[in-house]
Amino acid sequence: MTEVTEITENQKVLFYRQALEGITLMNRPRPKKTELARIKAMSDLGLTPHAIGQRLGRDGKTIRRYLDSDVYHDPELQEMVAIIKKRELEDLYLLGAKGRKRLHELLDQGDTKVIETIALVDRTFTQRQLLEGKPTENINVHNVAQQLQEALDQTLEFRSYVLAEIERRKEQGKTDEH
């Protein structure tokens, strides 16, 4: 029977320092700047820390720790991330163009496997939006127009109320003078 020993406070501090220095139980080294830049770029593409960890052979919690750290304030690392994102954007624009071209070919041929191509075009568009810092949510234009019309109606109604109140007070002022 093995005896369970309690970890001392000094051992916890040592383990914490080792973790910060990149020494883990598996002796996995800290990521180099190129890997950190890839992590940040993949995160900006919308990948979760878990998905990034799977691609890089690291734990998702480790990836999250690096994403939440101050490491990305390094100008050299920021430049590397910008280069990776620029290349990725160029690739996504190319994929989008190829996807649209293929979509036209499929439509011209009458092929019914259009859904996969539309999904490709949509995904590349979404990833481009993420890298460019633009929103990716779908907006229902009809709902927005309806909300704007309601706001306009309320504004006009309030305006009419204010004008009527001004007129009422003017009339009340005239009555008080007599």
N, C-alpha and C. Protein backbone atom coordinates (compact mmCIF):
# COMPACT_ATOMS: atom_id res chain seq x y z
N MET A 1 0.84 -1.17 0.00
CA MET A 1 0.00 0.00 0.00
C MET A 1 0.90 1.24 0.00
N THR A 2 0.59 2.16 -0.93
CA THR A 2 1.41 3.37 -1.02
C THR A 2 0.88 4.43 -0.06
N GLU A 3 1.82 5.17 0.47
CA GLU A 3 1.46 6.21 1.42
C GLU A 3 1.26 7.53 0.68
N VAL A 4 0.18 8.21 0.96
CA VAL A 4 -0.11 9.49 0.33
C VAL A 4 0.57 10.58 1.15
N THR A 5 1.44 11.34 0.48
CA THR A 5 2.12 12.42 1.18
C THR A 5 1.50 13.75 0.78
N GLU A 6 1.48 14.65 1.71
CA GLU A 6 0.91 15.95 1.44
C GLU A 6 1.99 16.87 0.86
N ILE A 7 1.60 17.68 -0.11
CA ILE A 7 2.55 18.59 -0.75
C ILE A 7 2.75 19.79 0.16
N THR A 8 4.01 20.09 0.41
CA THR A 8 4.30 21.24 1.28
C THR A 8 4.14 22.54 0.51
N GLU A 9 4.10 23.63 1.24
CA GLU A 9 3.96 24.96 0.63
C GLU A 9 5.17 25.26 -0.25
N ASN A 10 6.38 24.86 0.21
CA ASN A 10 7.59 25.08 -0.58
C ASN A 10 7.54 24.31 -1.90
N GLN A 11 7.01 23.10 -1.88
CA GLN A 11 6.89 22.32 -3.10
C GLN A 11 5.90 22.97 -4.07
N LYS A 12 4.82 23.55 -3.52
CA LYS A 12 3.85 24.24 -4.37
C LYS A 12 4.50 25.45 -5.04
N VAL A 13 5.26 26.22 -4.29
CA VAL A 13 5.94 27.38 -4.84
C VAL A 13 6.93 26.96 -5.92
N LEU A 14 7.69 25.89 -5.65
CA LEU A 14 8.65 25.39 -6.63
C LEU A 14 7.93 24.94 -7.90
N PHE A 15 6.85 24.20 -7.75
CA PHE A 15 6.09 23.73 -8.91
C PHE A 15 5.55 24.92 -9.71
N TYR A 16 5.04 25.95 -9.00
CA TYR A 16 4.51 27.13 -9.66
C TYR A 16 5.61 27.84 -10.44
N ARG A 17 6.79 27.99 -9.83
CA ARG A 17 7.91 28.64 -10.52
C ARG A 17 8.32 27.83 -11.75
N GLN A 18 8.36 26.52 -11.61
CA GLN A 18 8.71 25.67 -12.75
C GLN A 18 7.69 25.82 -13.88
N ALA A 19 6.43 25.91 -13.50
CA ALA A 19 5.38 26.07 -14.51
C ALA A 19 5.55 27.39 -15.24
N LEU A 20 5.87 28.44 -14.50
CA LEU A 20 6.07 29.75 -15.13
C LEU A 20 7.30 29.76 -16.03
N GLU A 21 8.29 28.97 -15.68
CA GLU A 21 9.51 28.91 -16.48
C GLU A 21 9.39 27.93 -17.65
N GLY A 22 8.24 27.31 -17.77
CA GLY A 22 8.02 26.40 -18.90
C GLY A 22 8.42 24.97 -18.60
N ILE A 23 8.74 24.66 -17.37
CA ILE A 23 9.10 23.29 -17.01
C ILE A 23 7.84 22.64 -16.47
N THR A 24 7.36 21.64 -17.17
CA THR A 24 6.15 20.95 -16.72
C THR A 24 6.52 19.55 -16.29
N LEU A 25 5.54 18.82 -15.86
CA LEU A 25 5.80 17.44 -15.45
C LEU A 25 6.34 16.61 -16.61
N MET A 26 6.00 17.01 -17.85
CA MET A 26 6.46 16.26 -19.01
C MET A 26 7.72 16.92 -19.60
N ASN A 27 8.29 17.90 -18.89
CA ASN A 27 9.47 18.62 -19.36
C ASN A 27 9.25 19.25 -20.73
N ARG A 28 8.07 19.73 -20.95
CA ARG A 28 7.74 20.40 -22.20
C ARG A 28 8.29 21.82 -22.15
N PRO A 29 9.11 22.23 -23.13
CA PRO A 29 9.68 23.58 -23.10
C PRO A 29 8.62 24.64 -23.38
N ARG A 30 8.92 25.86 -22.95
CA ARG A 30 8.04 26.99 -23.26
C ARG A 30 8.00 27.17 -24.77
N PRO A 31 6.88 27.65 -25.27
CA PRO A 31 6.82 27.87 -26.72
C PRO A 31 7.74 29.01 -27.14
N LYS A 32 8.33 28.86 -28.32
CA LYS A 32 9.16 29.92 -28.87
C LYS A 32 8.24 31.01 -29.42
N LYS A 33 8.84 32.13 -29.79
CA LYS A 33 8.04 33.26 -30.28
C LYS A 33 7.22 32.88 -31.51
N THR A 34 7.77 32.06 -32.38
CA THR A 34 7.02 31.67 -33.58
C THR A 34 5.76 30.89 -33.20
N GLU A 35 5.88 30.00 -32.20
CA GLU A 35 4.71 29.24 -31.77
C GLU A 35 3.70 30.14 -31.06
N LEU A 36 4.19 31.08 -30.26
CA LEU A 36 3.30 32.03 -29.59
C LEU A 36 2.54 32.87 -30.62
N ALA A 37 3.24 33.26 -31.67
CA ALA A 37 2.59 34.04 -32.74
C ALA A 37 1.52 33.21 -33.42
N ARG A 38 1.81 31.94 -33.68
CA ARG A 38 0.80 31.05 -34.30
C ARG A 38 -0.40 30.89 -33.38
N ILE A 39 -0.15 30.77 -32.06
CA ILE A 39 -1.24 30.62 -31.10
C ILE A 39 -2.16 31.84 -31.17
N LYS A 40 -1.57 33.02 -31.17
CA LYS A 40 -2.36 34.26 -31.21
C LYS A 40 -3.14 34.38 -32.51
N ALA A 41 -2.48 34.06 -33.62
CA ALA A 41 -3.15 34.15 -34.93
C ALA A 41 -4.31 33.16 -35.00
N MET A 42 -4.12 31.95 -34.51
CA MET A 42 -5.21 30.96 -34.52
C MET A 42 -6.35 31.41 -33.63
N SER A 43 -6.02 32.03 -32.51
CA SER A 43 -7.06 32.55 -31.62
C SER A 43 -7.85 33.65 -32.32
N ASP A 44 -7.14 34.53 -33.03
CA ASP A 44 -7.80 35.60 -33.77
C ASP A 44 -8.67 35.05 -34.90
N LEU A 45 -8.35 33.86 -35.38
CA LEU A 45 -9.17 33.21 -36.41
C LEU A 45 -10.45 32.60 -35.83
N GLY A 46 -10.53 32.59 -34.51
CA GLY A 46 -11.74 32.06 -33.88
C GLY A 46 -11.59 30.68 -33.30
N LEU A 47 -10.39 30.11 -33.32
CA LEU A 47 -10.19 28.79 -32.73
C LEU A 47 -10.17 28.91 -31.22
N THR A 48 -10.71 27.93 -30.55
CA THR A 48 -10.71 27.92 -29.09
C THR A 48 -9.34 27.48 -28.60
N PRO A 49 -9.00 27.79 -27.35
CA PRO A 49 -7.72 27.33 -26.81
C PRO A 49 -7.58 25.81 -26.89
N HIS A 50 -8.68 25.10 -26.68
CA HIS A 50 -8.64 23.63 -26.77
C HIS A 50 -8.27 23.19 -28.19
N ALA A 51 -8.91 23.79 -29.19
CA ALA A 51 -8.63 23.43 -30.59
C ALA A 51 -7.18 23.77 -30.96
N ILE A 52 -6.70 24.91 -30.49
CA ILE A 52 -5.31 25.30 -30.76
C ILE A 52 -4.37 24.30 -30.11
N GLY A 53 -4.68 23.95 -28.86
CA GLY A 53 -3.85 22.97 -28.14
C GLY A 53 -3.79 21.64 -28.86
N GLN A 54 -4.91 21.18 -29.39
CA GLN A 54 -4.92 19.92 -30.13
C GLN A 54 -4.03 20.00 -31.37
N ARG A 55 -4.08 21.12 -32.08
CA ARG A 55 -3.26 21.27 -33.29
C ARG A 55 -1.77 21.35 -32.98
N LEU A 56 -1.44 21.93 -31.82
CA LEU A 56 -0.04 22.13 -31.49
C LEU A 56 0.51 21.10 -30.51
N GLY A 57 -0.34 20.19 -30.06
CA GLY A 57 0.12 19.17 -29.13
C GLY A 57 0.35 19.71 -27.73
N ARG A 58 -0.44 20.70 -27.35
CA ARG A 58 -0.34 21.30 -26.02
C ARG A 58 -1.72 21.26 -25.36
N ASP A 59 -1.72 21.44 -24.07
CA ASP A 59 -2.98 21.45 -23.32
C ASP A 59 -3.72 22.77 -23.56
N GLY A 60 -5.03 22.70 -23.67
CA GLY A 60 -5.83 23.89 -23.90
C GLY A 60 -5.69 24.91 -22.78
N LYS A 61 -5.50 24.44 -21.54
CA LYS A 61 -5.32 25.36 -20.41
C LYS A 61 -4.00 26.12 -20.55
N THR A 62 -3.00 25.46 -21.07
CA THR A 62 -1.71 26.13 -21.30
C THR A 62 -1.87 27.20 -22.36
N ILE A 63 -2.59 26.87 -23.42
CA ILE A 63 -2.83 27.84 -24.49
C ILE A 63 -3.58 29.05 -23.94
N ARG A 64 -4.61 28.80 -23.15
CA ARG A 64 -5.39 29.89 -22.55
C ARG A 64 -4.49 30.76 -21.67
N ARG A 65 -3.59 30.13 -20.91
CA ARG A 65 -2.70 30.88 -20.03
C ARG A 65 -1.82 31.83 -20.86
N TYR A 66 -1.29 31.34 -21.97
CA TYR A 66 -0.46 32.20 -22.82
C TYR A 66 -1.29 33.30 -23.47
N LEU A 67 -2.50 32.98 -23.90
CA LEU A 67 -3.36 34.00 -24.52
C LEU A 67 -3.73 35.10 -23.52
N ASP A 68 -3.87 34.73 -22.25
CA ASP A 68 -4.24 35.70 -21.22
C ASP A 68 -3.03 36.45 -20.65
N SER A 69 -1.83 36.04 -21.01
CA SER A 69 -0.63 36.64 -20.42
C SER A 69 -0.23 37.92 -21.13
N ASP A 70 0.79 38.57 -20.60
CA ASP A 70 1.31 39.82 -21.18
C ASP A 70 2.31 39.57 -22.30
N VAL A 71 2.52 38.33 -22.66
CA VAL A 71 3.55 37.99 -23.64
C VAL A 71 3.31 38.66 -24.99
N TYR A 72 2.06 38.97 -25.31
CA TYR A 72 1.74 39.53 -26.62
C TYR A 72 1.96 41.04 -26.71
N HIS A 73 2.52 41.63 -25.67
CA HIS A 73 2.87 43.06 -25.71
C HIS A 73 4.25 43.28 -26.33
N ASP A 74 4.98 42.21 -26.57
CA ASP A 74 6.31 42.28 -27.19
C ASP A 74 6.16 42.71 -28.65
N PRO A 75 6.78 43.83 -29.05
CA PRO A 75 6.63 44.33 -30.42
C PRO A 75 7.06 43.33 -31.49
N GLU A 76 8.12 42.59 -31.22
CA GLU A 76 8.60 41.59 -32.19
C GLU A 76 7.54 40.51 -32.40
N LEU A 77 6.92 40.08 -31.30
CA LEU A 77 5.88 39.06 -31.38
C LEU A 77 4.64 39.62 -32.09
N GLN A 78 4.30 40.87 -31.82
CA GLN A 78 3.16 41.50 -32.50
C GLN A 78 3.39 41.56 -34.00
N GLU A 79 4.63 41.85 -34.40
CA GLU A 79 4.95 41.89 -35.83
C GLU A 79 4.82 40.51 -36.46
N MET A 80 5.27 39.49 -35.74
CA MET A 80 5.14 38.12 -36.25
C MET A 80 3.67 37.74 -36.42
N VAL A 81 2.85 38.10 -35.43
CA VAL A 81 1.41 37.80 -35.50
C VAL A 81 0.80 38.52 -36.70
N ALA A 82 1.19 39.78 -36.91
CA ALA A 82 0.67 40.55 -38.05
C ALA A 82 1.03 39.90 -39.37
N ILE A 83 2.26 39.39 -39.48
CA ILE A 83 2.69 38.72 -40.72
C ILE A 83 1.88 37.44 -40.95
N ILE A 84 1.71 36.66 -39.90
CA ILE A 84 0.92 35.41 -40.02
C ILE A 84 -0.51 35.74 -40.42
N LYS A 85 -1.10 36.75 -39.78
CA LYS A 85 -2.48 37.12 -40.10
C LYS A 85 -2.60 37.64 -41.53
N LYS A 86 -1.59 38.39 -41.99
CA LYS A 86 -1.62 38.90 -43.36
C LYS A 86 -1.59 37.75 -44.36
N ARG A 87 -0.70 36.79 -44.12
CA ARG A 87 -0.62 35.62 -45.01
C ARG A 87 -1.92 34.82 -44.98
N GLU A 88 -2.47 34.67 -43.78
CA GLU A 88 -3.72 33.92 -43.64
C GLU A 88 -4.86 34.65 -44.36
N LEU A 89 -4.91 35.96 -44.24
CA LEU A 89 -5.93 36.74 -44.94
C LEU A 89 -5.82 36.58 -46.44
N GLU A 90 -4.58 36.65 -46.96
CA GLU A 90 -4.38 36.47 -48.40
C GLU A 90 -4.87 35.10 -48.83
N ASP A 91 -4.55 34.09 -48.03
CA ASP A 91 -4.98 32.73 -48.34
C ASP A 91 -6.51 32.62 -48.29
N LEU A 92 -7.12 33.26 -47.30
CA LEU A 92 -8.58 33.21 -47.18
C LEU A 92 -9.26 33.92 -48.35
N TYR A 93 -8.70 35.04 -48.80
CA TYR A 93 -9.26 35.72 -49.98
C TYR A 93 -9.16 34.81 -51.21
N LEU A 94 -8.02 34.14 -51.36
CA LEU A 94 -7.84 33.22 -52.48
C LEU A 94 -8.83 32.07 -52.39
N LEU A 95 -8.97 31.48 -51.20
CA LEU A 95 -9.93 30.38 -51.02
C LEU A 95 -11.36 30.85 -51.30
N GLY A 96 -11.68 32.05 -50.85
CA GLY A 96 -13.02 32.60 -51.10
C GLY A 96 -13.29 32.75 -52.59
N ALA A 97 -12.29 33.28 -53.30
CA ALA A 97 -12.44 33.46 -54.75
C ALA A 97 -12.58 32.11 -55.45
N LYS A 98 -11.73 31.15 -55.05
CA LYS A 98 -11.83 29.80 -55.65
C LYS A 98 -13.17 29.16 -55.31
N GLY A 99 -13.64 29.35 -54.07
CA GLY A 99 -14.93 28.79 -53.67
C GLY A 99 -16.08 29.38 -54.48
N ARG A 100 -16.03 30.71 -54.66
CA ARG A 100 -17.08 31.35 -55.48
C ARG A 100 -17.03 30.85 -56.92
N LYS A 101 -15.81 30.71 -57.46
CA LYS A 101 -15.67 30.22 -58.83
C LYS A 101 -16.23 28.80 -58.93
N ARG A 102 -15.88 27.96 -57.96
CA ARG A 102 -16.36 26.58 -57.97
C ARG A 102 -17.89 26.55 -57.81
N LEU A 103 -18.41 27.43 -56.99
CA LEU A 103 -19.85 27.51 -56.80
C LEU A 103 -20.55 27.83 -58.12
N HIS A 104 -19.99 28.77 -58.88
CA HIS A 104 -20.56 29.10 -60.19
C HIS A 104 -20.49 27.91 -61.13
N GLU A 105 -19.36 27.19 -61.11
CA GLU A 105 -19.24 26.00 -61.96
C GLU A 105 -20.29 24.96 -61.61
N LEU A 106 -20.47 24.71 -60.31
CA LEU A 106 -21.46 23.72 -59.88
C LEU A 106 -22.87 24.14 -60.27
N LEU A 107 -23.15 25.42 -60.11
CA LEU A 107 -24.48 25.91 -60.48
C LEU A 107 -24.71 25.79 -61.99
N ASP A 108 -23.68 26.11 -62.79
CA ASP A 108 -23.79 26.00 -64.24
C ASP A 108 -23.98 24.55 -64.68
N GLN A 109 -23.36 23.61 -63.95
CA GLN A 109 -23.47 22.20 -64.29
C GLN A 109 -24.76 21.58 -63.76
N GLY A 110 -25.42 22.29 -62.84
CA GLY A 110 -26.64 21.74 -62.24
C GLY A 110 -26.33 20.73 -61.16
N ASP A 111 -25.11 20.72 -60.66
CA ASP A 111 -24.69 19.79 -59.61
C ASP A 111 -25.39 20.16 -58.31
N THR A 112 -25.84 19.17 -57.57
CA THR A 112 -26.57 19.44 -56.34
C THR A 112 -25.67 19.48 -55.11
N LYS A 113 -24.35 19.35 -55.25
CA LYS A 113 -23.45 19.38 -54.10
C LYS A 113 -22.94 20.81 -53.86
N VAL A 114 -23.85 21.74 -53.85
CA VAL A 114 -23.51 23.14 -53.71
C VAL A 114 -23.29 23.51 -52.24
N ILE A 115 -23.92 22.79 -51.34
CA ILE A 115 -23.88 23.15 -49.92
C ILE A 115 -22.45 23.18 -49.38
N GLU A 116 -21.64 22.19 -49.76
CA GLU A 116 -20.26 22.15 -49.28
C GLU A 116 -19.48 23.37 -49.73
N THR A 117 -19.69 23.79 -50.96
CA THR A 117 -18.97 24.95 -51.48
C THR A 117 -19.45 26.23 -50.81
N ILE A 118 -20.75 26.33 -50.60
CA ILE A 118 -21.28 27.51 -49.90
C ILE A 118 -20.70 27.57 -48.48
N ALA A 119 -20.62 26.40 -47.83
CA ALA A 119 -20.05 26.36 -46.48
C ALA A 119 -18.60 26.82 -46.49
N LEU A 120 -17.84 26.43 -47.51
CA LEU A 120 -16.44 26.86 -47.64
C LEU A 120 -16.35 28.37 -47.80
N VAL A 121 -17.16 28.92 -48.68
CA VAL A 121 -17.16 30.36 -48.92
C VAL A 121 -17.55 31.10 -47.63
N ASP A 122 -18.56 30.59 -46.94
CA ASP A 122 -19.02 31.22 -45.71
C ASP A 122 -17.94 31.18 -44.63
N ARG A 123 -17.27 30.04 -44.51
CA ARG A 123 -16.22 29.91 -43.49
C ARG A 123 -15.06 30.84 -43.78
N THR A 124 -14.63 30.92 -45.03
CA THR A 124 -13.51 31.81 -45.35
C THR A 124 -13.92 33.27 -45.10
N PHE A 125 -15.17 33.60 -45.42
CA PHE A 125 -15.64 34.96 -45.17
C PHE A 125 -15.63 35.27 -43.67
N THR A 126 -16.12 34.34 -42.87
CA THR A 126 -16.17 34.53 -41.42
C THR A 126 -14.76 34.68 -40.85
N GLN A 127 -13.83 33.84 -41.30
CA GLN A 127 -12.47 33.94 -40.80
C GLN A 127 -11.81 35.24 -41.22
N ARG A 128 -12.11 35.70 -42.43
CA ARG A 128 -11.57 37.01 -42.86
C ARG A 128 -12.12 38.11 -41.96
N GLN A 129 -13.41 38.04 -41.67
CA GLN A 129 -14.02 39.05 -40.80
C GLN A 129 -13.34 39.07 -39.43
N LEU A 130 -13.07 37.88 -38.87
CA LEU A 130 -12.42 37.80 -37.57
C LEU A 130 -11.02 38.41 -37.61
N LEU A 131 -10.25 38.06 -38.63
CA LEU A 131 -8.89 38.59 -38.73
C LEU A 131 -8.86 40.09 -38.95
N GLU A 132 -9.88 40.61 -39.61
CA GLU A 132 -9.94 42.05 -39.87
C GLU A 132 -10.61 42.80 -38.72
N GLY A 133 -10.99 42.06 -37.67
CA GLY A 133 -11.60 42.69 -36.50
C GLY A 133 -13.02 43.17 -36.74
N LYS A 134 -13.71 42.58 -37.68
CA LYS A 134 -15.08 42.97 -37.99
C LYS A 134 -16.06 41.97 -37.37
N PRO A 135 -17.31 42.38 -37.12
CA PRO A 135 -18.28 41.45 -36.53
C PRO A 135 -18.65 40.34 -37.51
N THR A 136 -18.99 39.19 -36.95
CA THR A 136 -19.35 38.05 -37.80
C THR A 136 -20.82 37.66 -37.65
N GLU A 137 -21.55 38.38 -36.81
CA GLU A 137 -22.94 38.00 -36.60
C GLU A 137 -23.79 38.35 -37.82
N ASN A 138 -24.80 37.54 -38.05
CA ASN A 138 -25.74 37.80 -39.12
C ASN A 138 -26.77 38.80 -38.64
N ILE A 139 -27.04 39.78 -39.45
CA ILE A 139 -28.00 40.82 -39.08
C ILE A 139 -29.21 40.70 -40.00
N ASN A 140 -30.37 40.60 -39.40
CA ASN A 140 -31.61 40.54 -40.16
C ASN A 140 -32.01 41.97 -40.50
N VAL A 141 -31.83 42.35 -41.74
CA VAL A 141 -32.08 43.72 -42.18
C VAL A 141 -33.53 44.11 -41.94
N HIS A 142 -34.45 43.18 -42.17
CA HIS A 142 -35.87 43.47 -41.96
C HIS A 142 -36.13 43.86 -40.51
N ASN A 143 -35.55 43.11 -39.56
CA ASN A 143 -35.74 43.43 -38.14
C ASN A 143 -35.13 44.78 -37.78
N VAL A 144 -33.96 45.07 -38.33
CA VAL A 144 -33.31 46.36 -38.06
C VAL A 144 -34.18 47.49 -38.60
N ALA A 145 -34.70 47.34 -39.81
CA ALA A 145 -35.56 48.36 -40.41
C ALA A 145 -36.82 48.56 -39.57
N GLN A 146 -37.38 47.46 -39.10
CA GLN A 146 -38.58 47.54 -38.28
C GLN A 146 -38.28 48.27 -36.96
N GLN A 147 -37.14 47.97 -36.33
CA GLN A 147 -36.76 48.64 -35.08
C GLN A 147 -36.52 50.12 -35.31
N LEU A 148 -35.90 50.46 -36.43
CA LEU A 148 -35.68 51.88 -36.75
C LEU A 148 -37.01 52.60 -36.95
N GLN A 149 -37.95 51.95 -37.63
CA GLN A 149 -39.26 52.56 -37.85
C GLN A 149 -39.98 52.78 -36.52
N GLU A 150 -39.90 51.80 -35.62
CA GLU A 150 -40.52 51.95 -34.30
C GLU A 150 -39.89 53.10 -33.53
N ALA A 151 -38.56 53.21 -33.60
CA ALA A 151 -37.88 54.30 -32.90
C ALA A 151 -38.29 55.65 -33.50
N LEU A 152 -38.41 55.71 -34.81
CA LEU A 152 -38.84 56.94 -35.47
C LEU A 152 -40.27 57.31 -35.05
N ASP A 153 -41.14 56.31 -35.04
CA ASP A 153 -42.53 56.55 -34.63
C ASP A 153 -42.59 57.08 -33.20
N GLN A 154 -41.80 56.49 -32.30
CA GLN A 154 -41.78 56.94 -30.91
C GLN A 154 -41.24 58.37 -30.81
N THR A 155 -40.22 58.68 -31.60
CA THR A 155 -39.66 60.02 -31.60
C THR A 155 -40.68 61.03 -32.08
N LEU A 156 -41.39 60.72 -33.16
CA LEU A 156 -42.41 61.62 -33.69
C LEU A 156 -43.56 61.79 -32.69
N GLU A 157 -43.92 60.70 -32.04
CA GLU A 157 -44.99 60.77 -31.04
C GLU A 157 -44.56 61.67 -29.88
N PHE A 158 -43.33 61.52 -29.43
CA PHE A 158 -42.82 62.35 -28.34
C PHE A 158 -42.74 63.81 -28.78
N ARG A 159 -42.31 64.03 -30.01
CA ARG A 159 -42.23 65.39 -30.55
C ARG A 159 -43.61 66.04 -30.55
N SER A 160 -44.62 65.30 -30.99
CA SER A 160 -45.99 65.82 -31.01
C SER A 160 -46.44 66.15 -29.59
N TYR A 161 -46.11 65.30 -28.65
CA TYR A 161 -46.48 65.53 -27.25
C TYR A 161 -45.82 66.82 -26.74
N VAL A 162 -44.52 67.00 -27.03
CA VAL A 162 -43.80 68.19 -26.58
C VAL A 162 -44.40 69.45 -27.20
N LEU A 163 -44.69 69.42 -28.49
CA LEU A 163 -45.28 70.58 -29.16
C LEU A 163 -46.65 70.91 -28.58
N ALA A 164 -47.44 69.88 -28.31
CA ALA A 164 -48.76 70.09 -27.73
C ALA A 164 -48.63 70.68 -26.32
N GLU A 165 -47.65 70.21 -25.57
CA GLU A 165 -47.43 70.72 -24.22
C GLU A 165 -46.99 72.18 -24.26
N ILE A 166 -46.15 72.54 -25.22
CA ILE A 166 -45.71 73.93 -25.38
C ILE A 166 -46.91 74.82 -25.70
N GLU A 167 -47.75 74.37 -26.61
CA GLU A 167 -48.95 75.12 -26.97
C GLU A 167 -49.88 75.27 -25.78
N ARG A 168 -50.05 74.19 -25.02
CA ARG A 168 -50.93 74.23 -23.84
C ARG A 168 -50.42 75.25 -22.84
N ARG A 169 -49.10 75.27 -22.62
CA ARG A 169 -48.53 76.21 -21.66
C ARG A 169 -48.65 77.66 -22.16
N LYS A 170 -48.52 77.84 -23.46
CA LYS A 170 -48.70 79.18 -24.02
C LYS A 170 -50.12 79.65 -23.78
N GLU A 171 -51.08 78.77 -24.05
CA GLU A 171 -52.49 79.10 -23.84
C GLU A 171 -52.76 79.36 -22.37
N GLN A 172 -52.17 78.57 -21.51
CA GLN A 172 -52.36 78.74 -20.08
C GLN A 172 -51.77 80.08 -19.63
N GLY A 173 -50.65 80.47 -20.22
CA GLY A 173 -50.02 81.75 -19.90
C GLY A 173 -50.91 82.90 -20.32
N LYS A 174 -51.54 82.80 -21.48
CA LYS A 174 -52.45 83.86 -21.97
C LYS A 174 -53.66 83.98 -21.05
N THR A 175 -54.17 82.85 -20.57
CA THR A 175 -55.34 82.85 -19.70
C THR A 175 -55.00 83.47 -18.35
N ASP A 176 -53.82 83.22 -17.85
CA ASP A 176 -53.40 83.75 -16.57
C ASP A 176 -53.23 85.28 -16.63
N GLU A 177 -52.87 85.82 -17.80
CA GLU A 177 -52.66 87.26 -17.95
C GLU A 177 -53.97 88.02 -17.87
N HIS A 178 -55.07 87.41 -18.31
CA HIS A 178 -56.36 88.11 -18.34
C HIS A 178 -57.03 88.05 -17.05
